[in-house]
Structures are given as C-alpha cells and as structure tokens.
Amino acid sequence: MSELAFTKSFLSSLDSRPVKLRADHVFDPERIALRIPYFLPRLQAPHPQMPKKVKPTIAPGSSKSITVLLKSARNPTLDFTIPNAPLSTTSVQDLKDAVHGRVADGQGNKISLDKIKILYKRKPITGKTIAEILADEPDMLAGGKAVEFGVMIIGGAQAVEASPAEEGQKENVTPPKPAVGPSGQEVLETEAFWDDLEGYLEQRIKDNDEAKKLRTLFKSAWSSSR
C-alpha cells in the first residue's frame, strides 16, 4: 500500500469517530460564526386577585327599612306584603314565621318550619338577614324600596286566613311610652347630649380633634338659632 492510500484510509477512519474536547477547552469567539440569539418565553401575567366582598356596615340608628313581598304561585297560592321591614334586623326566620301563620296542611294543622323555603331570584336564601342577602345590591340597601321573595313549601300546603294577631302583628303593637325625663330643648341644654354627640362623631370620623371642632360648630349654630 502506498503512503497516499494509507493516509486517505487513516483520515477516513478518523472522520467516522466523534470529536472529543477537553473539559477546559475554550472556543475563540472571533473564529465562531454568530448564532441566532435565544429568547426566553414571556412570563404570563399573574391573575388579579378577586376583590373581597365587604359586608356593609350600618351605623347605629341608621337602619333602613324596605317593603317585603312574599309570593308563592302554587301549593299554596300566596301573595302578601310586610311593610317597613328593617334591613339589618329582619331575618329569614321572620319571613318563615310570616308564611307559617298563613298556611296549613290538608288537615288544617300547622306545618313544620323546616318545610318552608324562602327564595330570592329563584334560589334558596343563604344569608341570615335581608341586608346580608342584598349585600351585592347597594341600591336596595338604601331602603325605601320593595323586594320580592319567593316561597316554596315542601310537600305542598293550603293557604289559610291569618289570625288578627299575626295579620297586624306590627301595626297592632302598642307603641312604647316615651322615656321619663328631660326632652326637647331641655336635652339640648345639657352637656351630656353634646358629650354623646362628640363621642358619636369621633367614632364615625376617627379624629378626636375634628370631632371637637364639629361639636363646637354644632353647639354654636344651635345657640345662635335660639
């Protein structure tokens, strides 16, 4: 075999073997062709957190009232109104009690309260008071409007006339007698009234100095109007 043939066969055998580099081998960047830059994928924007539902806070003495319409289209057919129902204190149990006095079973006996279901927008109510049920409807929480609730009685029932005590439960209640003590101008002339007013203002606006200023302003305005 000639030297040329041997060289060719030796080089061809080397070409078939993988190229091995040492661990400390360094490439000369000037001798390497430019490569296409690699871009990292964009990160997805984090999902915004859902706003938390805040229950409406009702200040003492500012409870609103609403007219409640209770209707049942069948088994039994009911349609009556509860006027001036306080939003913050009227509970689902109160609505059930109002229905309980107007229905009976086939034998004329009172049915169990567990069989009475109150619905709002065709769904069972989960809140305890009307204010909690209407928490997502600020217009209704302003009071002075009417809201309709559905009535469903498991197993059916028949409507009966409510007793006079149940029919006019709110209207027939004897109004409380006025408290014994000073009233009107006499109350305004006492420092206790203005102390109570200042305490209420401080609780609402959370600023002691501003509450004192408002107390002085209100008291001077009242004194000048006498």
C-alpha atoms as a PDB file:
ATOM      1  CA  MET A   1       0.000   0.000   0.000  1.00  0.00           C
ATOM      2  CA  SER A   2       1.351   3.356  -0.953  1.00  0.00           C
ATOM      3  CA  GLU A   3       1.688   6.217   1.556  1.00  0.00           C
ATOM      4  CA  LEU A   4      -1.081   8.192  -0.136  1.00  0.00           C
ATOM      5  CA  ALA A   5      -3.530   5.345   0.107  1.00  0.00           C
ATOM      6  CA  PHE A   6      -2.597   4.737   3.745  1.00  0.00           C
ATOM      7  CA  THR A   7      -3.093   8.438   4.576  1.00  0.00           C
ATOM      8  CA  LYS A   8      -6.505   8.521   2.951  1.00  0.00           C
ATOM      9  CA  SER A   9      -7.670   5.416   4.791  1.00  0.00           C
ATOM     10  CA  PHE A  10      -6.357   6.769   8.091  1.00  0.00           C
ATOM     11  CA  LEU A  11      -8.127  10.115   7.646  1.00  0.00           C
ATOM     12  CA  SER A  12     -11.371   8.431   6.662  1.00  0.00           C
ATOM     13  CA  SER A  13     -11.236   6.298   9.802  1.00  0.00           C
ATOM     14  CA  LEU A  14     -10.733   9.446  11.891  1.00  0.00           C
ATOM     15  CA  ASP A  15     -13.748  11.142  10.289  1.00  0.00           C
ATOM     16  CA  SER A  16     -16.009   8.336  11.497  1.00  0.00           C
ATOM     17  CA  ARG A  17     -15.037   8.894  15.114  1.00  0.00           C
ATOM     18  CA  PRO A  18     -16.703  11.611  17.297  1.00  0.00           C
ATOM     19  CA  VAL A  19     -14.730  14.735  18.079  1.00  0.00           C
ATOM     20  CA  LYS A  20     -13.688  14.878  21.710  1.00  0.00           C
ATOM     21  CA  LEU A  21     -12.762  18.113  23.503  1.00  0.00           C
ATOM     22  CA  ARG A  22     -11.090  18.548  26.841  1.00  0.00           C
ATOM     23  CA  ALA A  23     -13.099  19.862  29.784  1.00  0.00           C
ATOM     24  CA  ASP A  24     -11.041  23.060  29.871  1.00  0.00           C
ATOM     25  CA  HIS A  25     -11.278  23.696  26.122  1.00  0.00           C
ATOM     26  CA  VAL A  26     -12.089  27.321  25.231  1.00  0.00           C
ATOM     27  CA  PHE A  27     -13.511  28.470  21.907  1.00  0.00           C
ATOM     28  CA  ASP A  28     -12.202  31.626  20.306  1.00  0.00           C
ATOM     29  CA  PRO A  29     -15.340  33.790  19.789  1.00  0.00           C
ATOM     30  CA  GLU A  30     -13.746  35.519  16.795  1.00  0.00           C
ATOM     31  CA  ARG A  31     -13.497  32.194  14.969  1.00  0.00           C
ATOM     32  CA  ILE A  32     -17.050  31.094  15.712  1.00  0.00           C
ATOM     33  CA  ALA A  33     -19.884  32.246  13.482  1.00  0.00           C
ATOM     34  CA  LEU A  34     -22.688  34.258  15.046  1.00  0.00           C
ATOM     35  CA  ARG A  35     -25.654  32.249  16.195  1.00  0.00           C
ATOM     36  CA  ILE A  36     -29.320  33.238  16.383  1.00  0.00           C
ATOM     37  CA  PRO A  37     -29.999  34.677  19.862  1.00  0.00           C
ATOM     38  CA  TYR A  38     -32.249  32.641  22.102  1.00  0.00           C
ATOM     39  CA  PHE A  39     -35.111  34.460  23.748  1.00  0.00           C
ATOM     40  CA  LEU A  40     -36.773  33.191  26.890  1.00  0.00           C
ATOM     41  CA  PRO A  41     -40.550  32.799  26.648  1.00  0.00           C
ATOM     42  CA  ARG A  42     -42.598  35.620  28.119  1.00  0.00           C
ATOM     43  CA  LEU A  43     -43.986  35.018  31.552  1.00  0.00           C
ATOM     44  CA  GLN A  44     -47.747  35.014  31.837  1.00  0.00           C
ATOM     45  CA  ALA A  45     -49.219  37.928  33.716  1.00  0.00           C
ATOM     46  CA  PRO A  46     -50.417  36.885  37.168  1.00  0.00           C
ATOM     47  CA  HIS A  47     -54.143  36.617  37.541  1.00  0.00           C
ATOM     48  CA  PRO A  48     -55.552  39.571  39.513  1.00  0.00           C
ATOM     49  CA  GLN A  49     -56.988  38.692  42.863  1.00  0.00           C
ATOM     50  CA  MET A  50     -60.732  38.741  43.121  1.00  0.00           C
ATOM     51  CA  PRO A  51     -61.956  41.656  45.242  1.00  0.00           C
ATOM     52  CA  LYS A  52     -63.181  40.573  48.615  1.00  0.00           C
ATOM     53  CA  LYS A  53     -66.795  41.144  49.447  1.00  0.00           C
ATOM     54  CA  VAL A  54     -67.133  43.607  52.232  1.00  0.00           C
ATOM     55  CA  LYS A  55     -70.244  43.427  54.281  1.00  0.00           C
ATOM     56  CA  PRO A  56     -71.953  46.774  54.559  1.00  0.00           C
ATOM     57  CA  THR A  57     -71.565  48.396  57.937  1.00  0.00           C
ATOM     58  CA  ILE A  58     -74.635  50.055  59.303  1.00  0.00           C
ATOM     59  CA  ALA A  59     -74.167  52.792  61.854  1.00  0.00           C
ATOM     60  CA  PRO A  60     -76.314  52.726  64.997  1.00  0.00           C
ATOM     61  CA  GLY A  61     -79.595  54.478  64.458  1.00  0.00           C
ATOM     62  CA  SER A  62     -79.289  54.500  60.655  1.00  0.00           C
ATOM     63  CA  SER A  63     -81.093  51.214  59.909  1.00  0.00           C
ATOM     64  CA  LYS A  64     -83.068  51.374  56.672  1.00  0.00           C
ATOM     65  CA  SER A  65     -86.396  49.685  56.018  1.00  0.00           C
ATOM     66  CA  ILE A  66     -87.793  48.001  52.931  1.00  0.00           C
ATOM     67  CA  THR A  67     -91.100  46.550  51.773  1.00  0.00           C
ATOM     68  CA  VAL A  68     -91.004  42.749  51.502  1.00  0.00           C
ATOM     69  CA  LEU A  69     -93.274  40.963  49.003  1.00  0.00           C
ATOM     70  CA  LEU A  70     -93.754  37.247  49.653  1.00  0.00           C
ATOM     71  CA  LYS A  71     -95.259  35.276  46.766  1.00  0.00           C
ATOM     72  CA  SER A  72     -95.972  31.643  46.002  1.00  0.00           C
ATOM     73  CA  ALA A  73     -97.504  30.688  42.652  1.00  0.00           C
ATOM     74  CA  ARG A  74     -98.770  27.251  43.716  1.00  0.00           C
ATOM     75  CA  ASN A  75     -99.200  24.859  46.644  1.00  0.00           C
ATOM     76  CA  PRO A  76    -100.338  27.197  48.116  1.00  0.00           C
ATOM     77  CA  THR A  77    -101.005  30.453  46.287  1.00  0.00           C
ATOM     78  CA  LEU A  78     -99.722  33.279  48.480  1.00  0.00           C
ATOM     79  CA  ASP A  79     -99.227  36.980  47.878  1.00  0.00           C
ATOM     80  CA  PHE A  80     -98.811  39.300  50.844  1.00  0.00           C
ATOM     81  CA  THR A  81     -96.653  42.212  51.936  1.00  0.00           C
ATOM     82  CA  ILE A  82     -94.590  43.030  55.008  1.00  0.00           C
ATOM     83  CA  PRO A  83     -94.202  46.832  55.096  1.00  0.00           C
ATOM     84  CA  ASN A  84     -91.317  48.724  56.707  1.00  0.00           C
ATOM     85  CA  ALA A  85     -89.139  45.677  57.386  1.00  0.00           C
ATOM     86  CA  PRO A  86     -85.755  46.760  58.851  1.00  0.00           C
ATOM     87  CA  LEU A  87     -82.923  45.618  56.587  1.00  0.00           C
ATOM     88  CA  SER A  88     -80.443  44.897  59.358  1.00  0.00           C
ATOM     89  CA  THR A  89     -82.746  43.057  61.762  1.00  0.00           C
ATOM     90  CA  THR A  90     -85.347  41.263  59.625  1.00  0.00           C
ATOM     91  CA  SER A  91     -84.132  37.686  59.318  1.00  0.00           C
ATOM     92  CA  VAL A  92     -85.087  34.763  57.124  1.00  0.00           C
ATOM     93  CA  GLN A  93     -86.687  33.218  60.179  1.00  0.00           C
ATOM     94  CA  ASP A  94     -89.010  36.240  60.419  1.00  0.00           C
ATOM     95  CA  LEU A  95     -90.101  35.678  56.810  1.00  0.00           C
ATOM     96  CA  LYS A  96     -90.733  31.991  57.530  1.00  0.00           C
ATOM     97  CA  ASP A  97     -92.800  32.910  60.580  1.00  0.00           C
ATOM     98  CA  ALA A  98     -94.914  35.252  58.451  1.00  0.00           C
ATOM     99  CA  VAL A  99     -95.571  32.439  55.965  1.00  0.00           C
ATOM    100  CA  HIS A 100     -96.135  29.900  58.757  1.00  0.00           C
ATOM    101  CA  GLY A 101     -99.147  31.809  60.033  1.00  0.00           C
ATOM    102  CA  ARG A 102    -100.828  31.754  56.619  1.00  0.00           C
ATOM    103  CA  VAL A 103    -100.526  28.080  55.597  1.00  0.00           C
ATOM    104  CA  ALA A 104    -101.650  24.697  56.891  1.00  0.00           C
ATOM    105  CA  ASP A 105    -101.592  21.080  55.771  1.00  0.00           C
ATOM    106  CA  GLY A 106    -104.528  19.126  54.352  1.00  0.00           C
ATOM    107  CA  GLN A 107    -105.965  18.528  57.843  1.00  0.00           C
ATOM    108  CA  GLY A 108    -105.728  22.171  58.814  1.00  0.00           C
ATOM    109  CA  ASN A 109    -102.725  21.661  61.083  1.00  0.00           C
ATOM    110  CA  LYS A 110     -99.666  23.899  61.155  1.00  0.00           C
ATOM    111  CA  ILE A 111     -96.768  22.665  59.073  1.00  0.00           C
ATOM    112  CA  SER A 112     -93.150  22.453  60.176  1.00  0.00           C
ATOM    113  CA  LEU A 113     -90.933  25.499  59.638  1.00  0.00           C
ATOM    114  CA  ASP A 114     -88.309  23.227  58.074  1.00  0.00           C
ATOM    115  CA  LYS A 115     -90.625  22.658  55.110  1.00  0.00           C
ATOM    116  CA  ILE A 116     -90.854  26.388  54.353  1.00  0.00           C
ATOM    117  CA  LYS A 117     -88.161  27.635  51.979  1.00  0.00           C
ATOM    118  CA  ILE A 118     -87.600  31.307  51.131  1.00  0.00           C
ATOM    119  CA  LEU A 119     -86.212  32.007  47.637  1.00  0.00           C
ATOM    120  CA  TYR A 120     -84.606  35.068  46.104  1.00  0.00           C
ATOM    121  CA  LYS A 121     -84.256  35.160  42.329  1.00  0.00           C
ATOM    122  CA  ARG A 122     -85.427  31.520  42.296  1.00  0.00           C
ATOM    123  CA  LYS A 123     -82.551  30.400  44.513  1.00  0.00           C
ATOM    124  CA  PRO A 124     -82.634  29.387  48.188  1.00  0.00           C
ATOM    125  CA  ILE A 125     -81.519  32.136  50.521  1.00  0.00           C
ATOM    126  CA  THR A 126     -78.199  31.647  52.301  1.00  0.00           C
ATOM    127  CA  GLY A 127     -77.951  34.882  54.306  1.00  0.00           C
ATOM    128  CA  LYS A 128     -79.376  35.417  57.762  1.00  0.00           C
ATOM    129  CA  THR A 129     -80.800  38.927  57.334  1.00  0.00           C
ATOM    130  CA  ILE A 130     -82.195  40.900  54.394  1.00  0.00           C
ATOM    131  CA  ALA A 131     -79.109  43.150  54.495  1.00  0.00           C
ATOM    132  CA  GLU A 132     -76.833  40.123  54.012  1.00  0.00           C
ATOM    133  CA  ILE A 133     -79.000  38.772  51.184  1.00  0.00           C
ATOM    134  CA  LEU A 134     -78.904  42.121  49.360  1.00  0.00           C
ATOM    135  CA  ALA A 135     -75.213  42.780  50.106  1.00  0.00           C
ATOM    136  CA  ASP A 136     -74.386  42.984  46.371  1.00  0.00           C
ATOM    137  CA  GLU A 137     -77.225  45.431  45.623  1.00  0.00           C
ATOM    138  CA  PRO A 138     -76.369  48.848  47.124  1.00  0.00           C
ATOM    139  CA  ASP A 139     -79.469  50.433  45.603  1.00  0.00           C
ATOM    140  CA  MET A 140     -81.687  48.112  47.618  1.00  0.00           C
ATOM    141  CA  LEU A 141     -79.663  48.676  50.792  1.00  0.00           C
ATOM    142  CA  ALA A 142     -80.510  52.377  50.578  1.00  0.00           C
ATOM    143  CA  GLY A 143     -84.005  51.463  51.768  1.00  0.00           C
ATOM    144  CA  GLY A 144     -87.386  52.779  50.754  1.00  0.00           C
ATOM    145  CA  LYS A 145     -87.891  50.184  48.014  1.00  0.00           C
ATOM    146  CA  ALA A 146     -89.622  46.832  47.605  1.00  0.00           C
ATOM    147  CA  VAL A 147     -88.014  43.412  47.256  1.00  0.00           C
ATOM    148  CA  GLU A 148     -89.779  40.201  46.230  1.00  0.00           C
ATOM    149  CA  PHE A 149     -89.062  36.809  47.780  1.00  0.00           C
ATOM    150  CA  GLY A 150     -90.435  33.515  46.587  1.00  0.00           C
ATOM    151  CA  VAL A 151     -91.998  30.904  48.863  1.00  0.00           C
ATOM    152  CA  MET A 152     -91.751  27.140  48.422  1.00  0.00           C
ATOM    153  CA  ILE A 153     -93.299  24.611  50.777  1.00  0.00           C
ATOM    154  CA  ILE A 154     -92.050  21.043  50.562  1.00  0.00           C
ATOM    155  CA  GLY A 155     -94.980  18.662  50.198  1.00  0.00           C
ATOM    156  CA  GLY A 156     -97.414  21.468  49.460  1.00  0.00           C
ATOM    157  CA  ALA A 157     -99.914  23.181  51.729  1.00  0.00           C
ATOM    158  CA  GLN A 158    -103.075  25.227  51.641  1.00  0.00           C
ATOM    159  CA  ALA A 159    -103.471  28.912  52.357  1.00  0.00           C
ATOM    160  CA  VAL A 160    -105.463  29.964  55.418  1.00  0.00           C
ATOM    161  CA  GLU A 161    -106.504  33.332  56.717  1.00  0.00           C
ATOM    162  CA  ALA A 162    -104.013  34.731  59.161  1.00  0.00           C
ATOM    163  CA  SER A 163    -105.230  35.440  62.656  1.00  0.00           C
ATOM    164  CA  PRO A 164    -105.668  39.098  63.595  1.00  0.00           C
ATOM    165  CA  ALA A 165    -102.646  38.882  65.865  1.00  0.00           C
ATOM    166  CA  GLU A 166    -100.480  37.591  63.015  1.00  0.00           C
ATOM    167  CA  GLU A 167    -102.046  39.789  60.318  1.00  0.00           C
ATOM    168  CA  GLY A 168    -101.406  43.036  62.131  1.00  0.00           C
ATOM    169  CA  GLN A 169     -98.548  41.989  64.319  1.00  0.00           C
ATOM    170  CA  LYS A 170     -96.550  45.116  63.637  1.00  0.00           C
ATOM    171  CA  GLU A 171     -99.466  47.501  63.295  1.00  0.00           C
ATOM    172  CA  ASN A 172    -101.200  46.385  66.497  1.00  0.00           C
ATOM    173  CA  VAL A 173     -98.156  46.542  68.716  1.00  0.00           C
ATOM    174  CA  THR A 174     -98.614  49.220  71.336  1.00  0.00           C
ATOM    175  CA  PRO A 175     -96.014  51.919  70.758  1.00  0.00           C
ATOM    176  CA  PRO A 176     -93.547  52.286  73.609  1.00  0.00           C
ATOM    177  CA  LYS A 177     -94.196  55.066  76.054  1.00  0.00           C
ATOM    178  CA  PRO A 178     -91.775  57.996  75.947  1.00  0.00           C
ATOM    179  CA  ALA A 179     -88.961  57.814  78.429  1.00  0.00           C
ATOM    180  CA  VAL A 180     -89.414  59.778  81.602  1.00  0.00           C
ATOM    181  CA  GLY A 181     -87.005  62.702  81.857  1.00  0.00           C
ATOM    182  CA  PRO A 182     -85.999  65.869  80.021  1.00  0.00           C
ATOM    183  CA  SER A 183     -86.834  66.193  76.339  1.00  0.00           C
ATOM    184  CA  GLY A 184     -86.609  68.720  73.522  1.00  0.00           C
ATOM    185  CA  GLN A 185     -84.779  71.932  74.423  1.00  0.00           C
ATOM    186  CA  GLU A 186     -84.018  70.636  77.899  1.00  0.00           C
ATOM    187  CA  VAL A 187     -81.912  67.807  76.430  1.00  0.00           C
ATOM    188  CA  LEU A 188     -80.006  70.184  74.152  1.00  0.00           C
ATOM    189  CA  GLU A 189     -79.142  72.391  77.098  1.00  0.00           C
ATOM    190  CA  THR A 190     -77.341  69.542  78.890  1.00  0.00           C
ATOM    191  CA  GLU A 191     -73.639  68.878  78.434  1.00  0.00           C
ATOM    192  CA  ALA A 192     -74.340  65.130  78.363  1.00  0.00           C
ATOM    193  CA  PHE A 193     -76.046  65.498  74.980  1.00  0.00           C
ATOM    194  CA  TRP A 194     -73.070  67.298  73.451  1.00  0.00           C
ATOM    195  CA  ASP A 195     -70.679  64.764  75.008  1.00  0.00           C
ATOM    196  CA  ASP A 196     -72.666  61.962  73.371  1.00  0.00           C
ATOM    197  CA  LEU A 197     -72.640  63.832  70.061  1.00  0.00           C
ATOM    198  CA  GLU A 198     -68.879  64.308  70.238  1.00  0.00           C
ATOM    199  CA  GLY A 199     -68.369  60.624  71.037  1.00  0.00           C
ATOM    200  CA  TYR A 200     -70.519  59.596  68.080  1.00  0.00           C
ATOM    201  CA  LEU A 201     -68.653  61.929  65.708  1.00  0.00           C
ATOM    202  CA  GLU A 202     -65.291  60.675  66.937  1.00  0.00           C
ATOM    203  CA  GLN A 203     -66.410  57.095  66.351  1.00  0.00           C
ATOM    204  CA  ARG A 204     -67.578  57.848  62.799  1.00  0.00           C
ATOM    205  CA  ILE A 205     -64.717  60.054  61.546  1.00  0.00           C
ATOM    206  CA  LYS A 206     -61.974  58.590  63.785  1.00  0.00           C
ATOM    207  CA  ASP A 207     -60.474  62.005  64.529  1.00  0.00           C
ATOM    208  CA  ASN A 208     -60.674  63.416  68.062  1.00  0.00           C
ATOM    209  CA  ASP A 209     -59.721  66.993  67.122  1.00  0.00           C
ATOM    210  CA  GLU A 210     -62.178  67.141  64.241  1.00  0.00           C
ATOM    211  CA  ALA A 211     -64.945  65.780  66.463  1.00  0.00           C
ATOM    212  CA  LYS A 212     -64.339  68.563  68.992  1.00  0.00           C
ATOM    213  CA  LYS A 213     -64.441  71.195  66.229  1.00  0.00           C
ATOM    214  CA  LEU A 214     -67.727  69.851  64.917  1.00  0.00           C
ATOM    215  CA  ARG A 215     -69.183  69.762  68.418  1.00  0.00           C
ATOM    216  CA  THR A 216     -68.306  73.429  68.919  1.00  0.00           C
ATOM    217  CA  LEU A 217     -69.681  74.287  65.474  1.00  0.00           C
ATOM    218  CA  PHE A 218     -72.989  72.495  66.005  1.00  0.00           C
ATOM    219  CA  LYS A 219     -73.436  73.890  69.501  1.00  0.00           C
ATOM    220  CA  SER A 220     -72.726  77.472  68.404  1.00  0.00           C
ATOM    221  CA  ALA A 221     -75.102  77.119  65.445  1.00  0.00           C
ATOM    222  CA  TRP A 222     -77.833  75.830  67.749  1.00  0.00           C
ATOM    223  CA  SER A 223     -77.233  78.594  70.290  1.00  0.00           C
ATOM    224  CA  SER A 224     -77.423  81.301  67.586  1.00  0.00           C
ATOM    225  CA  SER A 225     -80.700  79.913  66.254  1.00  0.00           C
ATOM    226  CA  ARG A 226     -82.490  80.184  69.611  1.00  0.00           C
END
